[in-house]
PDB file of all heavy atoms in Angstrom:
ATOM      1  N   THR A   1      11.802 -12.410 -56.806  1.00  0.00           N
ATOM      2  CA  THR A   1      12.491 -13.072 -57.914  1.00  0.00           C
ATOM      3  C   THR A   1      11.492 -13.869 -58.741  1.00  0.00           C
ATOM      4  O   THR A   1      10.303 -13.960 -58.414  1.00  0.00           O
ATOM      5  CB  THR A   1      13.567 -14.033 -57.401  1.00  0.00           C
ATOM      6  OG1 THR A   1      12.923 -15.127 -56.699  1.00  0.00           O
ATOM      7  CG2 THR A   1      14.532 -13.336 -56.452  1.00  0.00           C
ATOM      8  N   ALA A   2      12.001 -14.476 -59.823  1.00  0.00           N
ATOM      9  CA  ALA A   2      11.152 -15.295 -60.676  1.00  0.00           C
ATOM     10  C   ALA A   2      10.574 -16.485 -59.923  1.00  0.00           C
ATOM     11  O   ALA A   2       9.501 -16.991 -60.266  1.00  0.00           O
ATOM     12  CB  ALA A   2      11.946 -15.775 -61.892  1.00  0.00           C
ATOM     13  N   GLY A   3      11.271 -16.923 -58.870  1.00  0.00           N
ATOM     14  CA  GLY A   3      10.738 -18.025 -58.076  1.00  0.00           C
ATOM     15  C   GLY A   3       9.408 -17.668 -57.441  1.00  0.00           C
ATOM     16  O   GLY A   3       8.475 -18.484 -57.399  1.00  0.00           O
ATOM     17  N   GLU A   4       9.303 -16.462 -56.926  1.00  0.00           N
ATOM     18  CA  GLU A   4       8.035 -16.022 -56.348  1.00  0.00           C
ATOM     19  C   GLU A   4       6.972 -15.885 -57.427  1.00  0.00           C
ATOM     20  O   GLU A   4       5.799 -16.208 -57.201  1.00  0.00           O
ATOM     21  CB  GLU A   4       8.203 -14.698 -55.611  1.00  0.00           C
ATOM     22  CG  GLU A   4       6.910 -14.240 -54.923  1.00  0.00           C
ATOM     23  CD  GLU A   4       7.078 -12.992 -54.088  1.00  0.00           C
ATOM     24  OE1 GLU A   4       8.075 -12.265 -54.272  1.00  0.00           O
ATOM     25  OE2 GLU A   4       6.210 -12.740 -53.242  1.00  0.00           O
ATOM     26  N   ALA A   5       7.363 -15.424 -58.602  1.00  0.00           N
ATOM     27  CA  ALA A   5       6.414 -15.300 -59.710  1.00  0.00           C
ATOM     28  C   ALA A   5       5.828 -16.652 -60.073  1.00  0.00           C
ATOM     29  O   ALA A   5       4.614 -16.788 -60.273  1.00  0.00           O
ATOM     30  CB  ALA A   5       7.107 -14.684 -60.923  1.00  0.00           C
ATOM     31  N   VAL A   6       6.690 -17.658 -60.155  1.00  0.00           N
ATOM     32  CA  VAL A   6       6.227 -19.014 -60.467  1.00  0.00           C
ATOM     33  C   VAL A   6       5.216 -19.474 -59.425  1.00  0.00           C
ATOM     34  O   VAL A   6       4.149 -20.016 -59.753  1.00  0.00           O
ATOM     35  CB  VAL A   6       7.425 -19.984 -60.526  1.00  0.00           C
ATOM     36  CG1 VAL A   6       6.939 -21.434 -60.600  1.00  0.00           C
ATOM     37  CG2 VAL A   6       8.306 -19.662 -61.728  1.00  0.00           C
ATOM     38  N   LEU A   7       5.543 -19.256 -58.159  1.00  0.00           N
ATOM     39  CA  LEU A   7       4.667 -19.691 -57.072  1.00  0.00           C
ATOM     40  C   LEU A   7       3.329 -18.961 -57.113  1.00  0.00           C
ATOM     41  O   LEU A   7       2.269 -19.588 -56.988  1.00  0.00           O
ATOM     42  CB  LEU A   7       5.352 -19.466 -55.728  1.00  0.00           C
ATOM     43  CG  LEU A   7       4.578 -19.919 -54.490  1.00  0.00           C
ATOM     44  CD1 LEU A   7       4.328 -21.421 -54.526  1.00  0.00           C
ATOM     45  CD2 LEU A   7       5.328 -19.532 -53.216  1.00  0.00           C
ATOM     46  N   LEU A   8       3.343 -17.647 -57.292  1.00  0.00           N
ATOM     47  CA  LEU A   8       2.097 -16.870 -57.326  1.00  0.00           C
ATOM     48  C   LEU A   8       1.159 -17.349 -58.429  1.00  0.00           C
ATOM     49  O   LEU A   8      -0.039 -17.547 -58.203  1.00  0.00           O
ATOM     50  CB  LEU A   8       2.419 -15.393 -57.535  1.00  0.00           C
ATOM     51  CG  LEU A   8       2.981 -14.619 -56.339  1.00  0.00           C
ATOM     52  CD1 LEU A   8       3.421 -13.229 -56.774  1.00  0.00           C
ATOM     53  CD2 LEU A   8       1.942 -14.520 -55.231  1.00  0.00           C
ATOM     54  N   GLN A   9       1.700 -17.541 -59.613  1.00  0.00           N
ATOM     55  CA  GLN A   9       0.861 -17.960 -60.736  1.00  0.00           C
ATOM     56  C   GLN A   9       0.343 -19.380 -60.560  1.00  0.00           C
ATOM     57  O   GLN A   9      -0.822 -19.672 -60.842  1.00  0.00           O
ATOM     58  CB  GLN A   9       1.659 -17.864 -62.041  1.00  0.00           C
ATOM     59  CG  GLN A   9       2.015 -16.449 -62.438  1.00  0.00           C
ATOM     60  CD  GLN A   9       3.054 -16.412 -63.538  1.00  0.00           C
ATOM     61  OE1 GLN A   9       2.747 -16.156 -64.692  1.00  0.00           O
ATOM     62  NE2 GLN A   9       4.303 -16.692 -63.175  1.00  0.00           N
ATOM     63  N   ALA A  10       1.223 -20.265 -60.086  1.00  0.00           N
ATOM     64  CA  ALA A  10       0.824 -21.659 -59.909  1.00  0.00           C
ATOM     65  C   ALA A  10      -0.241 -21.800 -58.821  1.00  0.00           C
ATOM     66  O   ALA A  10      -1.213 -22.554 -58.981  1.00  0.00           O
ATOM     67  CB  ALA A  10       2.041 -22.510 -59.566  1.00  0.00           C
ATOM     68  N   LEU A  11      -0.076 -21.088 -57.707  1.00  0.00           N
ATOM     69  CA  LEU A  11      -1.084 -21.128 -56.647  1.00  0.00           C
ATOM     70  C   LEU A  11      -2.408 -20.578 -57.152  1.00  0.00           C
ATOM     71  O   LEU A  11      -3.486 -21.140 -56.881  1.00  0.00           O
ATOM     72  CB  LEU A  11      -0.608 -20.318 -55.437  1.00  0.00           C
ATOM     73  CG  LEU A  11       0.550 -20.900 -54.616  1.00  0.00           C
ATOM     74  CD1 LEU A  11       0.968 -19.921 -53.528  1.00  0.00           C
ATOM     75  CD2 LEU A  11       0.176 -22.252 -54.010  1.00  0.00           C
ATOM     76  N   ASP A  12      -2.344 -19.479 -57.902  1.00  0.00           N
ATOM     77  CA  ASP A  12      -3.566 -18.879 -58.448  1.00  0.00           C
ATOM     78  C   ASP A  12      -4.281 -19.858 -59.364  1.00  0.00           C
ATOM     79  O   ASP A  12      -5.511 -20.004 -59.291  1.00  0.00           O
ATOM     80  CB  ASP A  12      -3.206 -17.598 -59.208  1.00  0.00           C
ATOM     81  CG  ASP A  12      -4.432 -16.888 -59.752  1.00  0.00           C
ATOM     82  OD1 ASP A  12      -5.281 -16.457 -58.936  1.00  0.00           O
ATOM     83  OD2 ASP A  12      -4.544 -16.753 -60.983  1.00  0.00           O
ATOM     84  N   SER A  13      -3.544 -20.554 -60.211  1.00  0.00           N
ATOM     85  CA  SER A  13      -4.152 -21.538 -61.120  1.00  0.00           C
ATOM     86  C   SER A  13      -4.741 -22.721 -60.359  1.00  0.00           C
ATOM     87  O   SER A  13      -5.689 -23.359 -60.824  1.00  0.00           O
ATOM     88  CB  SER A  13      -3.104 -22.040 -62.124  1.00  0.00           C
ATOM     89  OG  SER A  13      -2.668 -20.987 -62.962  1.00  0.00           O
ATOM     90  N   ALA A  14      -4.177 -23.006 -59.176  1.00  0.00           N
ATOM     91  CA  ALA A  14      -4.665 -24.113 -58.347  1.00  0.00           C
ATOM     92  C   ALA A  14      -5.769 -23.674 -57.389  1.00  0.00           C
ATOM     93  O   ALA A  14      -6.237 -24.466 -56.563  1.00  0.00           O
ATOM     94  CB  ALA A  14      -3.516 -24.724 -57.558  1.00  0.00           C
ATOM     95  N   GLY A  15      -6.191 -22.409 -57.484  1.00  0.00           N
ATOM     96  CA  GLY A  15      -7.237 -21.902 -56.607  1.00  0.00           C
ATOM     97  C   GLY A  15      -6.751 -21.541 -55.220  1.00  0.00           C
ATOM     98  O   GLY A  15      -7.560 -21.447 -54.282  1.00  0.00           O
ATOM     99  N   LEU A  16      -5.443 -21.311 -55.083  1.00  0.00           N
ATOM    100  CA  LEU A  16      -4.866 -20.965 -53.792  1.00  0.00           C
ATOM    101  C   LEU A  16      -4.273 -19.560 -53.841  1.00  0.00           C
ATOM    102  O   LEU A  16      -4.089 -18.986 -54.911  1.00  0.00           O
ATOM    103  CB  LEU A  16      -3.766 -21.966 -53.415  1.00  0.00           C
ATOM    104  CG  LEU A  16      -4.182 -23.428 -53.265  1.00  0.00           C
ATOM    105  CD1 LEU A  16      -2.950 -24.303 -53.027  1.00  0.00           C
ATOM    106  CD2 LEU A  16      -5.184 -23.589 -52.135  1.00  0.00           C
ATOM    107  N   LYS A  17      -3.968 -19.019 -52.645  1.00  0.00           N
ATOM    108  CA  LYS A  17      -3.328 -17.719 -52.533  1.00  0.00           C
ATOM    109  C   LYS A  17      -2.006 -17.882 -51.788  1.00  0.00           C
ATOM    110  O   LYS A  17      -1.754 -18.918 -51.161  1.00  0.00           O
ATOM    111  CB  LYS A  17      -4.228 -16.738 -51.783  1.00  0.00           C
ATOM    112  CG  LYS A  17      -5.542 -16.427 -52.482  1.00  0.00           C
ATOM    113  CD  LYS A  17      -6.358 -15.443 -51.667  1.00  0.00           C
ATOM    114  CE  LYS A  17      -7.673 -15.126 -52.351  1.00  0.00           C
ATOM    115  NZ  LYS A  17      -8.491 -14.177 -51.555  1.00  0.00           N
ATOM    116  N   LEU A  18      -1.188 -16.863 -51.847  1.00  0.00           N
ATOM    117  CA  LEU A  18       0.090 -16.907 -51.146  1.00  0.00           C
ATOM    118  C   LEU A  18      -0.117 -17.078 -49.649  1.00  0.00           C
ATOM    119  O   LEU A  18       0.691 -17.713 -48.965  1.00  0.00           O
ATOM    120  CB  LEU A  18       0.892 -15.637 -51.433  1.00  0.00           C
ATOM    121  CG  LEU A  18       2.374 -15.644 -51.041  1.00  0.00           C
ATOM    122  CD1 LEU A  18       3.118 -16.753 -51.778  1.00  0.00           C
ATOM    123  CD2 LEU A  18       3.015 -14.304 -51.332  1.00  0.00           C
ATOM    124  N   SER A  19      -1.218 -16.545 -49.131  1.00  0.00           N
ATOM    125  CA  SER A  19      -1.513 -16.669 -47.702  1.00  0.00           C
ATOM    126  C   SER A  19      -1.874 -18.097 -47.301  1.00  0.00           C
ATOM    127  O   SER A  19      -1.926 -18.415 -46.112  1.00  0.00           O
ATOM    128  CB  SER A  19      -2.652 -15.726 -47.317  1.00  0.00           C
ATOM    129  OG  SER A  19      -3.817 -15.992 -48.085  1.00  0.00           O
ATOM    130  N   ASP A  20      -2.119 -18.968 -48.291  1.00  0.00           N
ATOM    131  CA  ASP A  20      -2.437 -20.366 -47.992  1.00  0.00           C
ATOM    132  C   ASP A  20      -1.192 -21.193 -47.695  1.00  0.00           C
ATOM    133  O   ASP A  20      -1.298 -22.352 -47.285  1.00  0.00           O
ATOM    134  CB  ASP A  20      -3.193 -21.000 -49.157  1.00  0.00           C
ATOM    135  CG  ASP A  20      -4.612 -20.449 -49.295  1.00  0.00           C
ATOM    136  OD1 ASP A  20      -5.248 -20.230 -48.252  1.00  0.00           O
ATOM    137  OD2 ASP A  20      -5.060 -20.240 -50.437  1.00  0.00           O
ATOM    138  N   VAL A  21      -0.009 -20.620 -47.934  1.00  0.00           N
ATOM    139  CA  VAL A  21       1.235 -21.304 -47.607  1.00  0.00           C
ATOM    140  C   VAL A  21       2.030 -20.452 -46.623  1.00  0.00           C
ATOM    141  O   VAL A  21       1.765 -19.259 -46.466  1.00  0.00           O
ATOM    142  CB  VAL A  21       2.085 -21.584 -48.862  1.00  0.00           C
ATOM    143  CG1 VAL A  21       1.285 -22.324 -49.916  1.00  0.00           C
ATOM    144  CG2 VAL A  21       2.662 -20.291 -49.444  1.00  0.00           C
ATOM    145  N   THR A  22       2.980 -21.079 -45.947  1.00  0.00           N
ATOM    146  CA  THR A  22       3.888 -20.334 -45.083  1.00  0.00           C
ATOM    147  C   THR A  22       5.151 -20.037 -45.874  1.00  0.00           C
ATOM    148  O   THR A  22       5.916 -20.951 -46.219  1.00  0.00           O
ATOM    149  CB  THR A  22       4.254 -21.147 -43.828  1.00  0.00           C
ATOM    150  OG1 THR A  22       3.070 -21.409 -43.071  1.00  0.00           O
ATOM    151  CG2 THR A  22       5.233 -20.380 -42.957  1.00  0.00           C
ATOM    152  N   SER A  23       5.344 -18.766 -46.220  1.00  0.00           N
ATOM    153  CA  SER A  23       6.491 -18.381 -47.040  1.00  0.00           C
ATOM    154  C   SER A  23       7.761 -18.322 -46.203  1.00  0.00           C
ATOM    155  O   SER A  23       7.764 -17.766 -45.100  1.00  0.00           O
ATOM    156  CB  SER A  23       6.244 -17.005 -47.673  1.00  0.00           C
ATOM    157  OG  SER A  23       5.155 -17.062 -48.579  1.00  0.00           O
ATOM    158  N   VAL A  24       8.817 -18.908 -46.728  1.00  0.00           N
ATOM    159  CA  VAL A  24      10.138 -18.838 -46.098  1.00  0.00           C
ATOM    160  C   VAL A  24      11.057 -18.146 -47.099  1.00  0.00           C
ATOM    161  O   VAL A  24      11.472 -18.733 -48.098  1.00  0.00           O
ATOM    162  CB  VAL A  24      10.667 -20.240 -45.736  1.00  0.00           C
ATOM    163  CG1 VAL A  24      12.049 -20.130 -45.098  1.00  0.00           C
ATOM    164  CG2 VAL A  24       9.690 -20.954 -44.806  1.00  0.00           C
ATOM    165  N   ASP A  25      11.341 -16.882 -46.837  1.00  0.00           N
ATOM    166  CA  ASP A  25      12.107 -16.051 -47.765  1.00  0.00           C
ATOM    167  C   ASP A  25      13.601 -16.221 -47.522  1.00  0.00           C
ATOM    168  O   ASP A  25      14.142 -15.741 -46.524  1.00  0.00           O
ATOM    169  CB  ASP A  25      11.707 -14.580 -47.581  1.00  0.00           C
ATOM    170  CG  ASP A  25      12.457 -13.636 -48.501  1.00  0.00           C
ATOM    171  OD1 ASP A  25      13.008 -14.115 -49.515  1.00  0.00           O
ATOM    172  OD2 ASP A  25      12.485 -12.423 -48.216  1.00  0.00           O
ATOM    173  N   ILE A  26      14.276 -16.940 -48.434  1.00  0.00           N
ATOM    174  CA  ILE A  26      15.714 -17.153 -48.333  1.00  0.00           C
ATOM    175  C   ILE A  26      16.329 -17.021 -49.720  1.00  0.00           C
ATOM    176  O   ILE A  26      15.634 -17.093 -50.734  1.00  0.00           O
ATOM    177  CB  ILE A  26      16.068 -18.539 -47.739  1.00  0.00           C
ATOM    178  CG1 ILE A  26      15.417 -19.661 -48.566  1.00  0.00           C
ATOM    179  CG2 ILE A  26      15.638 -18.629 -46.294  1.00  0.00           C
ATOM    180  CD1 ILE A  26      15.779 -21.058 -48.079  1.00  0.00           C
ATOM    181  N   GLN A  27      17.629 -16.834 -49.764  1.00  0.00           N
ATOM    182  CA  GLN A  27      18.313 -16.739 -51.046  1.00  0.00           C
ATOM    183  C   GLN A  27      18.204 -18.058 -51.797  1.00  0.00           C
ATOM    184  O   GLN A  27      18.150 -19.130 -51.189  1.00  0.00           O
ATOM    185  CB  GLN A  27      19.779 -16.369 -50.840  1.00  0.00           C
ATOM    186  CG  GLN A  27      19.987 -14.963 -50.305  1.00  0.00           C
ATOM    187  CD  GLN A  27      21.460 -14.599 -50.234  1.00  0.00           C
ATOM    188  OE1 GLN A  27      22.337 -15.376 -50.589  1.00  0.00           O
ATOM    189  NE2 GLN A  27      21.725 -13.402 -49.752  1.00  0.00           N
ATOM    190  N   GLN A  28      18.200 -17.938 -53.122  1.00  0.00           N
ATOM    191  CA  GLN A  28      18.034 -19.131 -53.945  1.00  0.00           C
ATOM    192  C   GLN A  28      19.082 -20.200 -53.637  1.00  0.00           C
ATOM    193  O   GLN A  28      18.788 -21.396 -53.628  1.00  0.00           O
ATOM    194  CB  GLN A  28      18.116 -18.741 -55.428  1.00  0.00           C
ATOM    195  CG  GLN A  28      17.870 -19.885 -56.390  1.00  0.00           C
ATOM    196  CD  GLN A  28      16.505 -20.507 -56.199  1.00  0.00           C
ATOM    197  OE1 GLN A  28      15.495 -19.846 -56.298  1.00  0.00           O
ATOM    198  NE2 GLN A  28      16.459 -21.806 -55.911  1.00  0.00           N
ATOM    199  N   THR A  29      20.298 -19.785 -53.356  1.00  0.00           N
ATOM    200  CA  THR A  29      21.372 -20.742 -53.089  1.00  0.00           C
ATOM    201  C   THR A  29      21.198 -21.472 -51.763  1.00  0.00           C
ATOM    202  O   THR A  29      21.911 -22.446 -51.493  1.00  0.00           O
ATOM    203  CB  THR A  29      22.731 -20.022 -53.091  1.00  0.00           C
ATOM    204  OG1 THR A  29      22.683 -18.908 -52.189  1.00  0.00           O
ATOM    205  CG2 THR A  29      23.084 -19.523 -54.486  1.00  0.00           C
ATOM    206  N   GLN A  30      20.246 -21.030 -50.925  1.00  0.00           N
ATOM    207  CA  GLN A  30      20.026 -21.658 -49.626  1.00  0.00           C
ATOM    208  C   GLN A  30      18.804 -22.581 -49.598  1.00  0.00           C
ATOM    209  O   GLN A  30      18.548 -23.231 -48.590  1.00  0.00           O
ATOM    210  CB  GLN A  30      19.856 -20.573 -48.553  1.00  0.00           C
ATOM    211  CG  GLN A  30      21.083 -19.695 -48.371  1.00  0.00           C
ATOM    212  CD  GLN A  30      20.849 -18.559 -47.399  1.00  0.00           C
ATOM    213  OE1 GLN A  30      19.717 -18.222 -47.069  1.00  0.00           O
ATOM    214  NE2 GLN A  30      21.934 -17.956 -46.931  1.00  0.00           N
ATOM    215  N   VAL A  31      18.072 -22.630 -50.711  1.00  0.00           N
ATOM    216  CA  VAL A  31      16.842 -23.434 -50.751  1.00  0.00           C
ATOM    217  C   VAL A  31      17.147 -24.914 -50.540  1.00  0.00           C
ATOM    218  O   VAL A  31      16.467 -25.604 -49.774  1.00  0.00           O
ATOM    219  CB  VAL A  31      16.092 -23.219 -52.081  1.00  0.00           C
ATOM    220  CG1 VAL A  31      14.961 -24.234 -52.233  1.00  0.00           C
ATOM    221  CG2 VAL A  31      15.531 -21.806 -52.147  1.00  0.00           C
ATOM    222  N   ALA A  32      18.171 -25.424 -51.206  1.00  0.00           N
ATOM    223  CA  ALA A  32      18.504 -26.844 -51.074  1.00  0.00           C
ATOM    224  C   ALA A  32      18.840 -27.212 -49.631  1.00  0.00           C
ATOM    225  O   ALA A  32      18.411 -28.263 -49.125  1.00  0.00           O
ATOM    226  CB  ALA A  32      19.676 -27.193 -51.993  1.00  0.00           C
ATOM    227  N   ALA A  33      19.581 -26.344 -48.937  1.00  0.00           N
ATOM    228  CA  ALA A  33      19.939 -26.615 -47.539  1.00  0.00           C
ATOM    229  C   ALA A  33      18.701 -26.630 -46.658  1.00  0.00           C
ATOM    230  O   ALA A  33      18.583 -27.459 -45.738  1.00  0.00           O
ATOM    231  CB  ALA A  33      20.933 -25.571 -47.040  1.00  0.00           C
TER     232      ALA A  33
END
């Protein structure tokens, strides 16, 4: 989703990669919980 796109670009701009974080793949409506 666009959420992953935001994260990928922001991490790249910060000199980080997706592997530098622990991804928790959940539906958008479950993020707040």
